[in-house]
Amino acid sequence: PWTFPWAAHLLDVMGTETNWAPEGQYQPESDAIFNYRRAVCYQKPYLLLQNTVYDTFTPAMIERYFKRSIFYGCFPSFFSHNAADAPYWQNPALYNRDRPLFRKYIPLCKRISAAGWEPLTYARTSDPSIWIERYGYADQGSLHFTAFNSGTEAKQSTVALDLRALGLARAPTTVRELVRGEDLPVTPAGEVRLSLEPEDLAILSVGG
């Protein structure tokens, strides 16, 4: 649906080929592009196939690619540098190199995707460069938030949850941050403190 979005509701799964490292320079797609994809897909999966030169698309770049994609609940993967020859998944040296990243991040993407993206976050961050998205519902036991530092500097930010709008009778004492596997304290007013490096991702699990 790059040109016409109206058929998106007829499709079960959507996706595209993309190149985030033309000439070896990391150039992710914009927030506007991802917001368009998420809006037309709603809770359906969206898949990315990275078509780039994998020898120069380093593991550090791949982790940045994974974090940014998963913030929007989009599944990251790979195809071929020219959409034809030397596919990524036919080169064990590449996929074994990156296996730890797939094992860490893809289950997290599956988890929030299954919870279902919702356009109303009922959450705010104290720094505009820290973006936030919501997945799932409290009464279904699967409420999650993704937070992403879109800036070029490390940031500390407070995430404020609208407890009433989210259907929470009271604030939980902690939330589980899934990327790092740690519990973060929550104030009675529903505030959580985050520290994120540039282009870093956090996933807050409030239930489930």
N, C-alpha and C. Protein backbone atom coordinates (compact mmCIF):
# COMPACT_ATOMS: atom_id res chain seq x y z
N PRO A 1 0.82 -1.24 0.00
CA PRO A 1 0.00 0.00 0.00
C PRO A 1 0.84 1.27 0.00
N TRP A 2 1.97 1.28 -0.71
CA TRP A 2 2.77 2.50 -0.76
C TRP A 2 2.00 3.66 -1.41
N THR A 3 1.22 3.34 -2.47
CA THR A 3 0.51 4.39 -3.19
C THR A 3 -0.94 4.52 -2.74
N PHE A 4 -1.61 3.38 -2.58
CA PHE A 4 -3.03 3.38 -2.22
C PHE A 4 -3.23 2.56 -0.94
N PRO A 5 -3.66 3.17 0.16
CA PRO A 5 -3.81 2.44 1.42
C PRO A 5 -5.10 1.66 1.55
N TRP A 6 -6.05 1.83 0.62
CA TRP A 6 -7.42 1.37 0.86
C TRP A 6 -7.57 -0.15 0.78
N ALA A 7 -6.60 -0.85 0.22
CA ALA A 7 -6.68 -2.31 0.15
C ALA A 7 -6.05 -2.98 1.36
N ALA A 8 -5.45 -2.21 2.25
CA ALA A 8 -4.71 -2.80 3.36
C ALA A 8 -5.59 -3.69 4.24
N HIS A 9 -6.85 -3.32 4.39
CA HIS A 9 -7.72 -4.11 5.26
C HIS A 9 -8.03 -5.49 4.68
N LEU A 10 -7.71 -5.69 3.39
CA LEU A 10 -7.96 -6.99 2.75
C LEU A 10 -6.77 -7.94 2.90
N LEU A 11 -5.64 -7.43 3.37
CA LEU A 11 -4.41 -8.21 3.41
C LEU A 11 -4.12 -8.68 4.83
N ASP A 12 -3.67 -9.93 4.96
CA ASP A 12 -3.36 -10.48 6.28
C ASP A 12 -1.99 -10.03 6.79
N VAL A 13 -1.01 -9.98 5.90
CA VAL A 13 0.36 -9.62 6.26
C VAL A 13 0.91 -8.70 5.19
N MET A 14 1.55 -7.64 5.59
CA MET A 14 2.17 -6.71 4.65
C MET A 14 3.64 -6.55 4.96
N GLY A 15 4.39 -6.04 3.99
CA GLY A 15 5.82 -5.84 4.19
C GLY A 15 6.46 -5.20 2.98
N THR A 16 7.77 -4.97 3.08
CA THR A 16 8.49 -4.33 1.99
C THR A 16 9.97 -4.65 2.09
N GLU A 17 10.66 -4.53 0.96
CA GLU A 17 12.11 -4.55 0.93
C GLU A 17 12.61 -3.13 1.16
N THR A 18 13.75 -3.02 1.81
CA THR A 18 14.26 -1.70 2.15
C THR A 18 15.78 -1.76 2.25
N ASN A 19 16.42 -0.63 2.23
CA ASN A 19 17.88 -0.56 2.38
C ASN A 19 18.22 0.59 3.30
N TRP A 20 18.70 0.26 4.49
CA TRP A 20 19.02 1.28 5.48
C TRP A 20 20.50 1.63 5.49
N ALA A 21 21.28 1.10 4.56
CA ALA A 21 22.71 1.41 4.54
C ALA A 21 23.21 1.59 3.12
N PRO A 22 22.61 2.51 2.36
CA PRO A 22 23.15 2.78 1.03
C PRO A 22 24.57 3.33 1.14
N GLU A 23 25.45 2.77 0.36
CA GLU A 23 26.86 3.17 0.37
C GLU A 23 27.49 3.01 1.75
N GLY A 24 26.96 2.05 2.53
CA GLY A 24 27.56 1.73 3.82
C GLY A 24 27.22 2.67 4.95
N GLN A 25 26.37 3.68 4.71
CA GLN A 25 25.99 4.63 5.75
C GLN A 25 24.60 4.29 6.29
N TYR A 26 24.50 4.17 7.62
CA TYR A 26 23.24 3.78 8.25
C TYR A 26 22.22 4.90 8.12
N GLN A 27 21.10 4.62 7.45
CA GLN A 27 20.04 5.61 7.22
C GLN A 27 18.69 4.95 7.45
N PRO A 28 18.19 4.96 8.68
CA PRO A 28 16.89 4.33 8.96
C PRO A 28 15.74 5.10 8.33
N GLU A 29 14.63 4.41 8.17
CA GLU A 29 13.43 5.07 7.66
C GLU A 29 12.82 5.94 8.75
N SER A 30 12.02 6.90 8.32
CA SER A 30 11.53 7.94 9.21
C SER A 30 10.38 7.46 10.09
N ASP A 31 10.13 8.23 11.14
CA ASP A 31 8.98 8.00 12.00
C ASP A 31 7.69 8.11 11.21
N ALA A 32 7.63 9.03 10.26
CA ALA A 32 6.41 9.21 9.46
C ALA A 32 6.11 7.96 8.64
N ILE A 33 7.13 7.34 8.06
CA ILE A 33 6.91 6.12 7.28
C ILE A 33 6.40 5.00 8.18
N PHE A 34 7.02 4.83 9.33
CA PHE A 34 6.60 3.77 10.24
C PHE A 34 5.19 4.03 10.78
N ASN A 35 4.88 5.27 11.06
CA ASN A 35 3.53 5.58 11.54
C ASN A 35 2.47 5.27 10.48
N TYR A 36 2.79 5.55 9.23
CA TYR A 36 1.87 5.21 8.14
C TYR A 36 1.65 3.70 8.08
N ARG A 37 2.76 2.94 8.12
CA ARG A 37 2.64 1.48 8.08
C ARG A 37 1.78 0.95 9.22
N ARG A 38 2.07 1.44 10.42
CA ARG A 38 1.35 0.93 11.59
C ARG A 38 -0.12 1.30 11.51
N ALA A 39 -0.41 2.50 11.01
CA ALA A 39 -1.80 2.94 10.93
C ALA A 39 -2.60 2.10 9.94
N VAL A 40 -2.03 1.83 8.75
CA VAL A 40 -2.80 1.06 7.76
C VAL A 40 -2.87 -0.41 8.12
N CYS A 41 -1.89 -0.91 8.86
CA CYS A 41 -1.89 -2.32 9.27
C CYS A 41 -2.74 -2.54 10.52
N TYR A 42 -2.83 -1.54 11.37
CA TYR A 42 -3.40 -1.65 12.71
C TYR A 42 -2.69 -2.79 13.46
N GLN A 43 -3.35 -3.88 13.77
CA GLN A 43 -2.71 -4.93 14.55
C GLN A 43 -2.16 -6.08 13.70
N LYS A 44 -2.21 -5.93 12.39
CA LYS A 44 -1.66 -6.99 11.53
C LYS A 44 -0.13 -6.89 11.47
N PRO A 45 0.53 -8.01 11.19
CA PRO A 45 2.00 -7.96 11.10
C PRO A 45 2.48 -7.15 9.91
N TYR A 46 3.61 -6.48 10.11
CA TYR A 46 4.31 -5.83 9.02
C TYR A 46 5.76 -6.30 9.05
N LEU A 47 6.29 -6.69 7.89
CA LEU A 47 7.59 -7.34 7.80
C LEU A 47 8.54 -6.51 6.95
N LEU A 48 9.78 -6.40 7.41
CA LEU A 48 10.82 -5.69 6.66
C LEU A 48 11.88 -6.67 6.19
N LEU A 49 12.30 -6.54 4.93
CA LEU A 49 13.41 -7.30 4.38
C LEU A 49 14.52 -6.31 4.05
N GLN A 50 15.62 -6.40 4.79
CA GLN A 50 16.74 -5.49 4.60
C GLN A 50 17.57 -5.96 3.40
N ASN A 51 17.57 -5.14 2.35
CA ASN A 51 18.38 -5.41 1.16
C ASN A 51 19.58 -4.48 1.18
N THR A 52 20.70 -4.99 1.65
CA THR A 52 21.89 -4.16 1.75
C THR A 52 23.12 -5.04 1.64
N VAL A 53 24.29 -4.46 1.66
CA VAL A 53 25.54 -5.23 1.63
C VAL A 53 25.84 -5.67 3.05
N TYR A 54 25.67 -6.95 3.33
CA TYR A 54 25.70 -7.43 4.71
C TYR A 54 27.10 -7.40 5.32
N ASP A 55 28.12 -7.41 4.51
CA ASP A 55 29.47 -7.32 5.06
C ASP A 55 29.71 -5.97 5.72
N THR A 56 29.00 -4.94 5.26
CA THR A 56 29.16 -3.61 5.85
C THR A 56 28.00 -3.24 6.78
N PHE A 57 26.97 -4.07 6.77
CA PHE A 57 25.85 -3.86 7.70
C PHE A 57 26.19 -4.64 8.97
N THR A 58 26.88 -3.99 9.88
CA THR A 58 27.52 -4.63 11.02
C THR A 58 26.49 -5.08 12.06
N PRO A 59 26.88 -5.98 12.98
CA PRO A 59 25.97 -6.35 14.08
C PRO A 59 25.46 -5.15 14.87
N ALA A 60 26.29 -4.13 15.04
CA ALA A 60 25.82 -2.93 15.74
C ALA A 60 24.71 -2.25 14.97
N MET A 61 24.84 -2.18 13.63
CA MET A 61 23.77 -1.62 12.81
C MET A 61 22.52 -2.49 12.88
N ILE A 62 22.72 -3.80 12.87
CA ILE A 62 21.59 -4.71 12.91
C ILE A 62 20.81 -4.53 14.21
N GLU A 63 21.50 -4.35 15.33
CA GLU A 63 20.79 -4.15 16.59
C GLU A 63 20.01 -2.85 16.56
N ARG A 64 20.56 -1.82 15.97
CA ARG A 64 19.83 -0.56 15.83
C ARG A 64 18.59 -0.75 14.95
N TYR A 65 18.75 -1.50 13.87
CA TYR A 65 17.64 -1.83 12.96
C TYR A 65 16.55 -2.59 13.70
N PHE A 66 16.95 -3.58 14.50
CA PHE A 66 15.98 -4.36 15.26
C PHE A 66 15.24 -3.48 16.25
N LYS A 67 15.96 -2.66 17.01
CA LYS A 67 15.32 -1.85 18.04
C LYS A 67 14.32 -0.87 17.46
N ARG A 68 14.70 -0.20 16.39
CA ARG A 68 13.79 0.79 15.79
C ARG A 68 12.55 0.11 15.22
N SER A 69 12.73 -1.01 14.53
CA SER A 69 11.60 -1.72 13.93
C SER A 69 10.65 -2.24 15.00
N ILE A 70 11.20 -2.83 16.05
CA ILE A 70 10.37 -3.46 17.07
C ILE A 70 9.65 -2.41 17.90
N PHE A 71 10.19 -1.22 18.02
CA PHE A 71 9.45 -0.14 18.67
C PHE A 71 8.05 0.00 18.07
N TYR A 72 7.96 -0.16 16.74
CA TYR A 72 6.68 -0.05 16.03
C TYR A 72 5.98 -1.41 15.87
N GLY A 73 6.52 -2.45 16.47
CA GLY A 73 5.92 -3.77 16.33
C GLY A 73 6.10 -4.36 14.94
N CYS A 74 7.14 -3.92 14.21
CA CYS A 74 7.43 -4.45 12.87
C CYS A 74 8.53 -5.49 12.96
N PHE A 75 8.37 -6.57 12.22
CA PHE A 75 9.34 -7.67 12.26
C PHE A 75 10.50 -7.39 11.31
N PRO A 76 11.75 -7.36 11.81
CA PRO A 76 12.90 -7.12 10.95
C PRO A 76 13.51 -8.42 10.44
N SER A 77 13.90 -8.42 9.17
CA SER A 77 14.63 -9.56 8.63
C SER A 77 15.43 -9.10 7.42
N PHE A 78 15.87 -10.04 6.57
CA PHE A 78 16.82 -9.76 5.50
C PHE A 78 16.46 -10.55 4.25
N PHE A 79 16.92 -10.03 3.09
CA PHE A 79 16.74 -10.77 1.84
C PHE A 79 18.07 -10.83 1.09
N SER A 80 18.36 -9.83 0.25
CA SER A 80 19.53 -9.88 -0.61
C SER A 80 20.00 -8.46 -0.90
N HIS A 81 21.29 -8.29 -1.13
CA HIS A 81 21.81 -6.94 -1.37
C HIS A 81 21.23 -6.32 -2.63
N ASN A 82 20.83 -7.15 -3.61
CA ASN A 82 20.23 -6.62 -4.84
C ASN A 82 18.87 -7.24 -5.13
N ALA A 83 18.24 -7.80 -4.09
CA ALA A 83 16.93 -8.44 -4.21
C ALA A 83 16.95 -9.61 -5.18
N ALA A 84 18.11 -10.26 -5.32
CA ALA A 84 18.21 -11.41 -6.22
C ALA A 84 19.32 -12.37 -5.80
N ASP A 85 20.55 -11.86 -5.68
CA ASP A 85 21.71 -12.72 -5.50
C ASP A 85 22.17 -12.77 -4.04
N ALA A 86 22.83 -13.88 -3.69
CA ALA A 86 23.47 -14.06 -2.37
C ALA A 86 22.53 -13.72 -1.22
N PRO A 87 21.39 -14.39 -1.12
CA PRO A 87 20.47 -14.09 -0.02
C PRO A 87 21.11 -14.30 1.36
N TYR A 88 20.73 -13.46 2.26
CA TYR A 88 21.24 -13.52 3.64
C TYR A 88 21.07 -14.90 4.23
N TRP A 89 19.88 -15.48 4.07
CA TRP A 89 19.57 -16.75 4.75
C TRP A 89 20.21 -17.96 4.08
N GLN A 90 20.98 -17.75 3.04
CA GLN A 90 21.77 -18.83 2.46
C GLN A 90 23.24 -18.73 2.83
N ASN A 91 23.56 -17.84 3.74
CA ASN A 91 24.94 -17.64 4.17
C ASN A 91 25.05 -17.89 5.67
N PRO A 92 25.45 -19.11 6.10
CA PRO A 92 25.53 -19.41 7.53
C PRO A 92 26.46 -18.47 8.30
N ALA A 93 27.49 -17.97 7.64
CA ALA A 93 28.40 -17.06 8.34
C ALA A 93 27.67 -15.81 8.81
N LEU A 94 26.69 -15.35 8.03
CA LEU A 94 25.93 -14.16 8.41
C LEU A 94 24.89 -14.48 9.48
N TYR A 95 24.03 -15.47 9.22
CA TYR A 95 22.94 -15.68 10.18
C TYR A 95 23.43 -16.28 11.49
N ASN A 96 24.56 -16.99 11.49
CA ASN A 96 25.12 -17.45 12.76
C ASN A 96 25.78 -16.30 13.51
N ARG A 97 26.37 -15.37 12.77
CA ARG A 97 26.92 -14.16 13.40
C ARG A 97 25.84 -13.39 14.16
N ASP A 98 24.66 -13.30 13.54
CA ASP A 98 23.59 -12.47 14.09
C ASP A 98 22.57 -13.25 14.92
N ARG A 99 22.79 -14.54 15.07
CA ARG A 99 21.83 -15.38 15.79
C ARG A 99 21.48 -14.84 17.19
N PRO A 100 22.45 -14.38 18.00
CA PRO A 100 22.08 -13.86 19.33
C PRO A 100 21.08 -12.71 19.27
N LEU A 101 21.18 -11.87 18.24
CA LEU A 101 20.24 -10.75 18.13
C LEU A 101 18.84 -11.24 17.79
N PHE A 102 18.73 -12.22 16.90
CA PHE A 102 17.42 -12.79 16.59
C PHE A 102 16.82 -13.46 17.83
N ARG A 103 17.64 -14.20 18.56
CA ARG A 103 17.14 -14.91 19.74
C ARG A 103 16.67 -13.94 20.83
N LYS A 104 17.30 -12.80 20.91
CA LYS A 104 16.92 -11.82 21.93
C LYS A 104 15.70 -11.02 21.52
N TYR A 105 15.68 -10.51 20.29
CA TYR A 105 14.69 -9.49 19.92
C TYR A 105 13.43 -10.03 19.26
N ILE A 106 13.51 -11.08 18.45
CA ILE A 106 12.31 -11.53 17.75
C ILE A 106 11.22 -12.03 18.71
N PRO A 107 11.56 -12.78 19.78
CA PRO A 107 10.49 -13.14 20.73
C PRO A 107 9.82 -11.91 21.35
N LEU A 108 10.56 -10.84 21.56
CA LEU A 108 9.96 -9.62 22.10
C LEU A 108 9.00 -8.99 21.09
N CYS A 109 9.39 -9.01 19.83
CA CYS A 109 8.50 -8.48 18.79
C CYS A 109 7.23 -9.32 18.70
N LYS A 110 7.38 -10.63 18.76
CA LYS A 110 6.21 -11.51 18.72
C LYS A 110 5.28 -11.23 19.90
N ARG A 111 5.86 -10.96 21.05
CA ARG A 111 5.06 -10.75 22.26
C ARG A 111 4.21 -9.48 22.16
N ILE A 112 4.82 -8.38 21.74
CA ILE A 112 4.03 -7.15 21.66
C ILE A 112 3.09 -7.19 20.46
N SER A 113 3.50 -7.85 19.38
CA SER A 113 2.62 -7.98 18.22
C SER A 113 1.37 -8.76 18.58
N ALA A 114 1.54 -9.82 19.36
CA ALA A 114 0.39 -10.62 19.78
C ALA A 114 -0.53 -9.81 20.70
N ALA A 115 0.04 -8.91 21.50
CA ALA A 115 -0.79 -8.07 22.38
C ALA A 115 -1.64 -7.10 21.55
N GLY A 116 -1.10 -6.62 20.42
CA GLY A 116 -1.87 -5.77 19.52
C GLY A 116 -1.62 -4.28 19.73
N TRP A 117 -1.15 -3.62 18.67
CA TRP A 117 -0.91 -2.17 18.74
C TRP A 117 -2.20 -1.41 18.91
N GLU A 118 -2.14 -0.36 19.71
CA GLU A 118 -3.28 0.53 19.92
C GLU A 118 -2.85 1.97 19.67
N PRO A 119 -3.64 2.73 18.92
CA PRO A 119 -3.23 4.10 18.57
C PRO A 119 -3.23 5.07 19.74
N LEU A 120 -4.05 4.84 20.74
CA LEU A 120 -4.09 5.71 21.92
C LEU A 120 -3.19 5.09 22.98
N THR A 121 -2.12 5.80 23.32
CA THR A 121 -1.14 5.23 24.26
C THR A 121 -1.59 5.37 25.71
N TYR A 122 -2.29 6.43 26.03
CA TYR A 122 -2.61 6.77 27.43
C TYR A 122 -1.34 6.78 28.28
N ALA A 123 -0.26 7.25 27.69
CA ALA A 123 1.02 7.39 28.38
C ALA A 123 1.77 8.55 27.74
N ARG A 124 2.58 9.23 28.52
CA ARG A 124 3.37 10.36 28.04
C ARG A 124 4.79 10.25 28.58
N THR A 125 5.74 10.76 27.78
CA THR A 125 7.12 10.83 28.25
C THR A 125 7.47 12.29 28.53
N SER A 126 8.41 12.50 29.42
CA SER A 126 8.77 13.87 29.80
C SER A 126 9.75 14.51 28.83
N ASP A 127 10.28 13.73 27.88
CA ASP A 127 11.22 14.24 26.89
C ASP A 127 10.65 13.94 25.51
N PRO A 128 10.47 14.95 24.65
CA PRO A 128 9.86 14.69 23.34
C PRO A 128 10.69 13.79 22.43
N SER A 129 11.97 13.64 22.71
CA SER A 129 12.78 12.74 21.89
C SER A 129 12.62 11.28 22.29
N ILE A 130 11.96 11.03 23.41
CA ILE A 130 11.62 9.65 23.82
C ILE A 130 10.21 9.37 23.35
N TRP A 131 10.10 8.52 22.34
CA TRP A 131 8.80 8.17 21.76
C TRP A 131 8.21 6.98 22.51
N ILE A 132 6.89 6.85 22.44
CA ILE A 132 6.23 5.74 23.15
C ILE A 132 5.06 5.22 22.32
N GLU A 133 4.87 3.91 22.35
CA GLU A 133 3.74 3.24 21.72
C GLU A 133 3.17 2.23 22.71
N ARG A 134 1.89 1.90 22.49
CA ARG A 134 1.19 0.98 23.40
C ARG A 134 0.72 -0.25 22.65
N TYR A 135 0.76 -1.39 23.36
CA TYR A 135 0.29 -2.67 22.83
C TYR A 135 -0.52 -3.37 23.92
N GLY A 136 -1.75 -3.77 23.59
CA GLY A 136 -2.55 -4.57 24.50
C GLY A 136 -3.36 -3.78 25.50
N TYR A 137 -4.05 -4.54 26.37
CA TYR A 137 -4.97 -3.99 27.37
C TYR A 137 -4.69 -4.59 28.73
N ALA A 138 -4.90 -3.77 29.76
CA ALA A 138 -4.69 -4.24 31.12
C ALA A 138 -5.64 -5.37 31.48
N ASP A 139 -6.93 -5.25 31.07
CA ASP A 139 -7.91 -6.27 31.47
C ASP A 139 -7.71 -7.59 30.73
N GLN A 140 -6.83 -7.60 29.71
CA GLN A 140 -6.48 -8.84 29.03
C GLN A 140 -5.15 -9.40 29.51
N GLY A 141 -4.55 -8.70 30.48
CA GLY A 141 -3.30 -9.18 31.05
C GLY A 141 -2.10 -9.07 30.13
N SER A 142 -2.17 -8.16 29.15
CA SER A 142 -1.08 -8.08 28.18
C SER A 142 -0.78 -6.64 27.78
N LEU A 143 -0.67 -5.76 28.77
CA LEU A 143 -0.41 -4.35 28.51
C LEU A 143 1.09 -4.10 28.43
N HIS A 144 1.54 -3.58 27.28
CA HIS A 144 2.95 -3.30 27.07
C HIS A 144 3.12 -1.91 26.46
N PHE A 145 4.26 -1.30 26.75
CA PHE A 145 4.65 -0.04 26.12
C PHE A 145 6.06 -0.18 25.58
N THR A 146 6.27 0.32 24.36
CA THR A 146 7.62 0.42 23.84
C THR A 146 8.05 1.88 23.92
N ALA A 147 9.30 2.10 24.30
CA ALA A 147 9.87 3.45 24.36
C ALA A 147 11.17 3.44 23.57
N PHE A 148 11.40 4.53 22.82
CA PHE A 148 12.56 4.59 21.93
C PHE A 148 13.18 5.98 22.02
N ASN A 149 14.50 6.01 22.20
CA ASN A 149 15.21 7.28 22.23
C ASN A 149 15.60 7.65 20.80
N SER A 150 14.88 8.61 20.23
CA SER A 150 15.10 9.02 18.85
C SER A 150 16.24 10.02 18.71
N GLY A 151 16.81 10.46 19.82
CA GLY A 151 17.85 11.48 19.78
C GLY A 151 19.24 10.91 19.62
N THR A 152 20.22 11.79 19.67
CA THR A 152 21.63 11.42 19.48
C THR A 152 22.40 11.41 20.80
N GLU A 153 21.71 11.65 21.91
CA GLU A 153 22.35 11.65 23.22
C GLU A 153 21.58 10.73 24.16
N ALA A 154 22.28 10.23 25.17
CA ALA A 154 21.62 9.44 26.21
C ALA A 154 20.63 10.32 26.94
N LYS A 155 19.49 9.73 27.30
CA LYS A 155 18.41 10.50 27.92
C LYS A 155 17.84 9.77 29.12
N GLN A 156 17.39 10.55 30.09
CA GLN A 156 16.56 10.05 31.17
C GLN A 156 15.19 10.69 31.00
N SER A 157 14.17 9.88 31.16
CA SER A 157 12.81 10.38 30.94
C SER A 157 11.85 9.68 31.88
N THR A 158 10.79 10.38 32.22
CA THR A 158 9.72 9.79 33.02
C THR A 158 8.56 9.42 32.11
N VAL A 159 8.11 8.18 32.22
CA VAL A 159 6.91 7.72 31.52
C VAL A 159 5.74 7.82 32.50
N ALA A 160 4.75 8.62 32.17
CA ALA A 160 3.58 8.80 33.03
C ALA A 160 2.40 8.06 32.43
N LEU A 161 1.87 7.09 33.16
CA LEU A 161 0.74 6.29 32.70
C LEU A 161 -0.57 6.91 33.18
N ASP A 162 -1.54 6.98 32.30
CA ASP A 162 -2.88 7.43 32.65
C ASP A 162 -3.62 6.21 33.20
N LEU A 163 -3.54 6.01 34.50
CA LEU A 163 -4.03 4.77 35.11
C LEU A 163 -5.51 4.55 34.84
N ARG A 164 -6.30 5.59 34.98
CA ARG A 164 -7.74 5.44 34.79
C ARG A 164 -8.08 5.05 33.35
N ALA A 165 -7.48 5.76 32.39
CA ALA A 165 -7.76 5.47 30.99
C ALA A 165 -7.30 4.07 30.60
N LEU A 166 -6.25 3.59 31.25
CA LEU A 166 -5.72 2.25 30.95
C LEU A 166 -6.49 1.15 31.67
N GLY A 167 -7.44 1.52 32.52
CA GLY A 167 -8.22 0.51 33.24
C GLY A 167 -7.50 -0.08 34.42
N LEU A 168 -6.55 0.67 34.97
CA LEU A 168 -5.80 0.20 36.14
C LEU A 168 -6.36 0.86 37.40
N ALA A 169 -6.81 0.05 38.34
CA ALA A 169 -7.37 0.58 39.58
C ALA A 169 -6.32 1.31 40.40
N ARG A 170 -5.09 0.84 40.30
CA ARG A 170 -3.97 1.48 41.00
C ARG A 170 -2.69 1.18 40.23
N ALA A 171 -1.67 1.92 40.53
CA ALA A 171 -0.39 1.70 39.86
C ALA A 171 0.26 0.41 40.38
N PRO A 172 0.85 -0.40 39.50
CA PRO A 172 1.63 -1.53 39.99
C PRO A 172 2.87 -1.01 40.73
N THR A 173 3.40 -1.82 41.59
CA THR A 173 4.62 -1.37 42.31
C THR A 173 5.84 -1.38 41.41
N THR A 174 5.85 -2.29 40.42
CA THR A 174 6.94 -2.35 39.45
C THR A 174 6.37 -2.73 38.08
N VAL A 175 7.15 -2.44 37.04
CA VAL A 175 6.89 -2.97 35.71
C VAL A 175 8.16 -3.70 35.28
N ARG A 176 7.98 -4.69 34.43
CA ARG A 176 9.11 -5.46 33.92
C ARG A 176 9.62 -4.84 32.62
N GLU A 177 10.90 -4.50 32.59
CA GLU A 177 11.51 -4.01 31.36
C GLU A 177 12.12 -5.21 30.65
N LEU A 178 11.56 -5.55 29.48
CA LEU A 178 11.83 -6.85 28.86
C LEU A 178 13.15 -6.91 28.11
N VAL A 179 13.64 -5.80 27.58
CA VAL A 179 14.88 -5.84 26.81
C VAL A 179 16.06 -6.16 27.73
N ARG A 180 16.06 -5.58 28.91
CA ARG A 180 17.15 -5.79 29.85
C ARG A 180 16.82 -6.82 30.92
N GLY A 181 15.55 -7.19 31.02
CA GLY A 181 15.15 -8.19 32.00
C GLY A 181 15.24 -7.71 33.43
N GLU A 182 14.73 -6.51 33.68
CA GLU A 182 14.79 -5.97 35.04
C GLU A 182 13.47 -5.33 35.42
N ASP A 183 13.23 -5.25 36.73
CA ASP A 183 12.03 -4.61 37.25
C ASP A 183 12.32 -3.15 37.56
N LEU A 184 11.40 -2.27 37.13
CA LEU A 184 11.54 -0.85 37.38
C LEU A 184 10.44 -0.39 38.33
N PRO A 185 10.78 0.42 39.32
CA PRO A 185 9.76 0.88 40.27
C PRO A 185 8.77 1.85 39.62
N VAL A 186 7.55 1.83 40.12
CA VAL A 186 6.48 2.70 39.64
C VAL A 186 5.98 3.51 40.83
N THR A 187 5.82 4.82 40.66
CA THR A 187 5.29 5.64 41.74
C THR A 187 3.77 5.41 41.86
N PRO A 188 3.17 5.77 42.99
CA PRO A 188 1.71 5.63 43.12
C PRO A 188 0.93 6.40 42.06
N ALA A 189 1.55 7.45 41.50
CA ALA A 189 0.88 8.22 40.44
C ALA A 189 1.03 7.56 39.08
N GLY A 190 1.78 6.46 39.00
CA GLY A 190 1.93 5.75 37.73
C GLY A 190 3.08 6.25 36.88
N GLU A 191 4.18 6.66 37.51
CA GLU A 191 5.33 7.16 36.77
C GLU A 191 6.50 6.19 36.87
N VAL A 192 7.18 6.01 35.74
CA VAL A 192 8.32 5.10 35.63
C VAL A 192 9.50 5.90 35.08
N ARG A 193 10.66 5.72 35.65
CA ARG A 193 11.86 6.42 35.19
C ARG A 193 12.66 5.52 34.26
N LEU A 194 13.03 6.07 33.08
CA LEU A 194 13.79 5.31 32.08
C LEU A 194 15.10 6.02 31.78
N SER A 195 16.14 5.22 31.51
CA SER A 195 17.41 5.73 31.00
C SER A 195 17.69 5.00 29.69
N LEU A 196 17.84 5.76 28.60
CA LEU A 196 18.02 5.16 27.29
C LEU A 196 19.18 5.80 26.55
N GLU A 197 20.02 4.96 25.97
CA GLU A 197 21.08 5.43 25.08
C GLU A 197 20.46 5.87 23.75
N PRO A 198 21.22 6.55 22.89
CA PRO A 198 20.68 6.93 21.58
C PRO A 198 20.20 5.71 20.79
N GLU A 199 19.04 5.83 20.16
CA GLU A 199 18.41 4.77 19.39
C GLU A 199 18.23 3.48 20.21
N ASP A 200 17.98 3.66 21.48
CA ASP A 200 17.80 2.52 22.38
C ASP A 200 16.32 2.27 22.58
N LEU A 201 16.00 1.00 22.87
CA LEU A 201 14.62 0.54 23.03
C LEU A 201 14.40 0.02 24.43
N ALA A 202 13.23 0.32 24.99
CA ALA A 202 12.77 -0.32 26.22
C ALA A 202 11.35 -0.83 25.97
N ILE A 203 11.03 -1.96 26.57
CA ILE A 203 9.68 -2.53 26.49
C ILE A 203 9.19 -2.73 27.91
N LEU A 204 8.15 -2.00 28.29
CA LEU A 204 7.60 -2.08 29.63
C LEU A 204 6.39 -3.01 29.62
N SER A 205 6.46 -4.05 30.43
CA SER A 205 5.34 -4.98 30.55
C SER A 205 4.61 -4.68 31.85
N VAL A 206 3.38 -4.17 31.71
CA VAL A 206 2.58 -3.82 32.88
C VAL A 206 1.76 -5.00 33.32
N GLY A 207 1.50 -5.92 32.40
CA GLY A 207 0.77 -7.14 32.76
C GLY A 207 0.95 -8.16 31.67
N GLY A 208 1.27 -9.40 32.02
CA GLY A 208 1.43 -10.45 31.04
C GLY A 208 2.85 -10.62 30.59
